[in-house]
Every structure is written in structure tokens, then in C-alpha cells.
Amino acid sequence: MNYDTRENPAPCEECVLMQLVPPDQRGTKIPCRHIPLTKEGETLENLYSCGTQEEIEDAMRNWLRGTIQQIESQRAGA
């Protein structure tokens, strides 16, 4: 939500991604970096510190596709 926003960022609490942030990480400076992206529980925060750009992009791509598929399945079943 605040990507590339330096002035007047919106509060993270208003972001739809907050529901995916583990409760114990919601008070961190950048909560969305703590969303588990892989089956192993790797987060963007982990990958920024020890992953390559390719690993980060692969993890984000796979997570995004999986999350979209999950939401679409939930909507189809509702």
C-alpha cells in the first residue's frame, strides 16, 4: 500500500495485507515483510537479509499466485 510512498504514508492497519501478518508481528515497523511466503515460513524480511533477488522474486511470485488461487477457490465455494 505504501510502496514508494515517502510522504504521508497510510497507516499499515488500513492495509488489506494486515490480515495475513502473524499477530505477533503486526506492531513491527513494516509488518507486511513478516508474512510467511514459503512452506518453510520464510518471509520477505528473511529473504531480504539472506536471499538473492531471484529467490525473493520467485518466493513472491509463488506466494502471490497461491494466495490468488486460494481467494478464488473461497469465492467459488461461497
C-alpha atoms as a PDB file:
ATOM      1  CA  MET A   1       0.000   0.000   0.000  1.00  0.00           C
ATOM      2  CA  ASN A   2       2.811   2.395   0.860  1.00  0.00           C
ATOM      3  CA  TYR A   3       5.261   1.100  -1.690  1.00  0.00           C
ATOM      4  CA  ASP A   4       7.380   4.002  -2.875  1.00  0.00           C
ATOM      5  CA  THR A   5       5.447   6.433  -0.685  1.00  0.00           C
ATOM      6  CA  ARG A   6       7.680   8.634   1.401  1.00  0.00           C
ATOM      7  CA  GLU A   7       5.302  11.441   2.236  1.00  0.00           C
ATOM      8  CA  ASN A   8       2.077  10.880   4.158  1.00  0.00           C
ATOM      9  CA  PRO A   9       2.076   7.061   4.161  1.00  0.00           C
ATOM     10  CA  ALA A  10      -1.207   5.448   5.106  1.00  0.00           C
ATOM     11  CA  PRO A  11      -1.272   3.539   8.402  1.00  0.00           C
ATOM     12  CA  CYS A  12      -0.454  -0.142   7.941  1.00  0.00           C
ATOM     13  CA  GLU A  13      -3.605  -1.014   9.886  1.00  0.00           C
ATOM     14  CA  GLU A  14      -5.608   0.134   6.853  1.00  0.00           C
ATOM     15  CA  CYS A  15      -3.878  -2.313   4.504  1.00  0.00           C
ATOM     16  CA  VAL A  16      -5.685  -5.479   3.467  1.00  0.00           C
ATOM     17  CA  LEU A  17      -2.423  -7.419   3.852  1.00  0.00           C
ATOM     18  CA  MET A  18      -2.506  -6.936   7.635  1.00  0.00           C
ATOM     19  CA  GLN A  19      -4.858  -9.913   7.916  1.00  0.00           C
ATOM     20  CA  LEU A  20      -2.008 -12.078   6.581  1.00  0.00           C
ATOM     21  CA  VAL A  21       0.604 -10.771   9.035  1.00  0.00           C
ATOM     22  CA  PRO A  22       1.111 -13.005  12.086  1.00  0.00           C
ATOM     23  CA  PRO A  23      -0.413 -11.281  15.131  1.00  0.00           C
ATOM     24  CA  ASP A  24       2.920 -11.097  16.964  1.00  0.00           C
ATOM     25  CA  GLN A  25       4.448  -9.170  14.027  1.00  0.00           C
ATOM     26  CA  ARG A  26       1.717  -6.587  13.472  1.00  0.00           C
ATOM     27  CA  GLY A  27       3.453  -3.985  15.635  1.00  0.00           C
ATOM     28  CA  THR A  28       6.704  -4.051  13.663  1.00  0.00           C
ATOM     29  CA  LYS A  29       7.855  -1.126  11.540  1.00  0.00           C
ATOM     30  CA  ILE A  30       6.977  -2.876   8.256  1.00  0.00           C
ATOM     31  CA  PRO A  31       4.504  -5.651   9.167  1.00  0.00           C
ATOM     32  CA  CYS A  32       3.931  -6.948   5.630  1.00  0.00           C
ATOM     33  CA  ARG A  33       7.552  -8.087   5.466  1.00  0.00           C
ATOM     34  CA  HIS A  34       6.666 -10.733   8.059  1.00  0.00           C
ATOM     35  CA  ILE A  35       4.001 -12.551   6.037  1.00  0.00           C
ATOM     36  CA  PRO A  36       5.107 -16.180   5.576  1.00  0.00           C
ATOM     37  CA  LEU A  37       5.760 -16.659   1.851  1.00  0.00           C
ATOM     38  CA  THR A  38       7.003 -20.243   1.691  1.00  0.00           C
ATOM     39  CA  LYS A  39       6.073 -23.592   3.218  1.00  0.00           C
ATOM     40  CA  GLU A  40       9.234 -23.246   5.290  1.00  0.00           C
ATOM     41  CA  GLY A  41       7.904 -19.987   6.760  1.00  0.00           C
ATOM     42  CA  GLU A  42      10.368 -17.698   5.023  1.00  0.00           C
ATOM     43  CA  THR A  43       9.283 -14.082   4.984  1.00  0.00           C
ATOM     44  CA  LEU A  44      10.290 -11.117   2.895  1.00  0.00           C
ATOM     45  CA  GLU A  45      12.261  -9.918   5.907  1.00  0.00           C
ATOM     46  CA  ASN A  46      14.247 -13.208   5.914  1.00  0.00           C
ATOM     47  CA  LEU A  47      14.795 -13.132   2.178  1.00  0.00           C
ATOM     48  CA  TYR A  48      15.966  -9.513   2.172  1.00  0.00           C
ATOM     49  CA  SER A  49      18.692 -10.421   4.650  1.00  0.00           C
ATOM     50  CA  CYS A  50      19.915 -13.694   3.148  1.00  0.00           C
ATOM     51  CA  GLY A  51      18.235 -14.356  -0.202  1.00  0.00           C
ATOM     52  CA  THR A  52      19.115 -13.419  -3.736  1.00  0.00           C
ATOM     53  CA  GLN A  53      16.965 -11.167  -5.894  1.00  0.00           C
ATOM     54  CA  GLU A  54      15.897 -14.251  -7.845  1.00  0.00           C
ATOM     55  CA  GLU A  55      14.880 -16.083  -4.656  1.00  0.00           C
ATOM     56  CA  ILE A  56      12.893 -13.060  -3.498  1.00  0.00           C
ATOM     57  CA  GLU A  57      11.085 -12.746  -6.822  1.00  0.00           C
ATOM     58  CA  ASP A  58      10.367 -16.494  -7.005  1.00  0.00           C
ATOM     59  CA  ALA A  59       9.005 -16.573  -3.450  1.00  0.00           C
ATOM     60  CA  MET A  60       6.816 -13.513  -4.047  1.00  0.00           C
ATOM     61  CA  ARG A  61       5.548 -14.826  -7.388  1.00  0.00           C
ATOM     62  CA  ASN A  62       4.678 -18.246  -5.969  1.00  0.00           C
ATOM     63  CA  TRP A  63       3.083 -16.761  -2.857  1.00  0.00           C
ATOM     64  CA  LEU A  64       1.012 -14.310  -4.890  1.00  0.00           C
ATOM     65  CA  ARG A  65      -0.217 -16.988  -7.285  1.00  0.00           C
ATOM     66  CA  GLY A  66      -1.074 -19.324  -4.418  1.00  0.00           C
ATOM     67  CA  THR A  67      -2.868 -16.580  -2.492  1.00  0.00           C
ATOM     68  CA  ILE A  68      -4.908 -15.559  -5.547  1.00  0.00           C
ATOM     69  CA  GLN A  69      -5.833 -19.192  -6.177  1.00  0.00           C
ATOM     70  CA  GLN A  70      -6.903 -19.614  -2.549  1.00  0.00           C
ATOM     71  CA  ILE A  71      -9.087 -16.480  -2.648  1.00  0.00           C
ATOM     72  CA  GLU A  72     -10.671 -17.550  -5.940  1.00  0.00           C
ATOM     73  CA  SER A  73     -11.431 -21.011  -4.510  1.00  0.00           C
ATOM     74  CA  GLN A  74     -13.014 -19.471  -1.417  1.00  0.00           C
ATOM     75  CA  ARG A  75     -15.173 -17.180  -3.542  1.00  0.00           C
ATOM     76  CA  ALA A  76     -16.259 -20.044  -5.802  1.00  0.00           C
ATOM     77  CA  GLY A  77     -17.329 -22.076  -2.775  1.00  0.00           C
ATOM     78  CA  ALA A  78     -19.236 -19.228  -1.132  1.00  0.00           C
END
